[in-house]
Amino acid sequence: MKVTNTSILTNTESSMDLPLTATQLAQGHTLWEGGTLLQDAFPMLNASEREFIKTGITPQQWEDYFGGDE
């Protein structure tokens, strides 16, 4: 499903297509806000997808701000 979030780095809104349903998103948010680790609340997502849920940072923003092997 398409999820939209605001980046804590740029304060811009971005969207990502994530491999989950609206029900899984709602249940995961409830678990996470209740103290469950993000990786346990959203086990179907990879690290960059979970980062987007948590901070709104897209993989491209991460690369732009924190770089790669330079």
Protein backbone atom coordinates (compact mmCIF):
# COMPACT_ATOMS: atom_id res chain seq x y z
CA MET A 1 0.00 0.00 0.00
CA LYS A 2 1.08 3.59 -0.53
CA VAL A 3 2.19 5.20 2.73
CA THR A 4 2.91 8.92 3.08
CA ASN A 5 5.09 10.41 5.78
CA THR A 6 6.99 13.65 6.48
CA SER A 7 10.77 13.48 6.61
CA ILE A 8 12.40 14.65 9.82
CA LEU A 9 15.42 15.72 7.72
CA THR A 10 13.72 17.83 5.07
CA ASN A 11 10.21 18.39 6.44
CA THR A 12 8.91 17.28 3.05
CA GLU A 13 6.17 14.76 2.45
CA SER A 14 7.07 11.58 0.53
CA SER A 15 5.29 8.35 -0.27
CA MET A 16 6.50 4.77 -0.52
CA ASP A 17 4.72 1.64 -1.68
CA LEU A 18 5.10 -0.77 1.22
CA PRO A 19 4.26 -4.49 1.19
CA LEU A 20 1.50 -4.37 3.78
CA THR A 21 -2.23 -3.87 4.08
CA ALA A 22 -4.05 -1.04 5.81
CA THR A 23 -4.89 -3.46 8.63
CA GLN A 24 -1.23 -4.47 9.05
CA LEU A 25 -0.21 -0.80 9.10
CA ALA A 26 -2.78 0.05 11.77
CA GLN A 27 -1.92 -3.00 13.88
CA GLY A 28 1.81 -2.33 13.54
CA HIS A 29 1.41 1.30 14.58
CA THR A 30 -0.63 0.25 17.61
CA LEU A 31 2.05 -2.24 18.64
CA TRP A 32 4.90 0.20 18.02
CA GLU A 33 3.22 3.07 19.87
CA GLY A 34 2.62 0.62 22.71
CA GLY A 35 6.34 -0.05 23.05
CA THR A 36 6.96 -2.96 20.69
CA LEU A 37 10.20 -2.71 18.73
CA LEU A 38 9.61 -1.43 15.20
CA GLN A 39 11.13 -4.56 13.63
CA ASP A 40 8.74 -6.71 15.66
CA ALA A 41 5.72 -4.52 14.89
CA PHE A 42 6.50 -4.60 11.14
CA PRO A 43 8.36 -7.87 10.48
CA MET A 44 7.29 -7.82 6.81
CA LEU A 45 9.29 -4.62 6.13
CA ASN A 46 13.00 -4.23 5.47
CA ALA A 47 15.20 -1.74 7.34
CA SER A 48 14.73 1.17 4.92
CA GLU A 49 10.96 0.67 4.88
CA ARG A 50 10.87 0.67 8.67
CA GLU A 51 13.05 3.80 8.71
CA PHE A 52 10.48 5.48 6.47
CA ILE A 53 7.67 4.50 8.86
CA LYS A 54 9.64 5.82 11.84
CA THR A 55 11.21 9.01 10.45
CA GLY A 56 9.78 9.66 6.99
CA ILE A 57 13.30 9.45 5.58
CA THR A 58 13.37 7.85 2.12
CA PRO A 59 16.29 5.72 0.94
CA GLN A 60 17.31 8.57 -1.43
CA GLN A 61 17.29 11.14 1.39
CA TRP A 62 19.37 8.79 3.52
CA GLU A 63 21.92 8.49 0.71
CA ASP A 64 21.92 12.26 0.08
CA TYR A 65 22.46 13.15 3.76
CA PHE A 66 24.62 10.31 5.00
CA GLY A 67 26.28 9.20 1.78
CA GLY A 68 27.75 5.94 0.79
CA ASP A 69 31.32 4.79 0.33
CA GLU A 70 33.09 8.10 -0.31
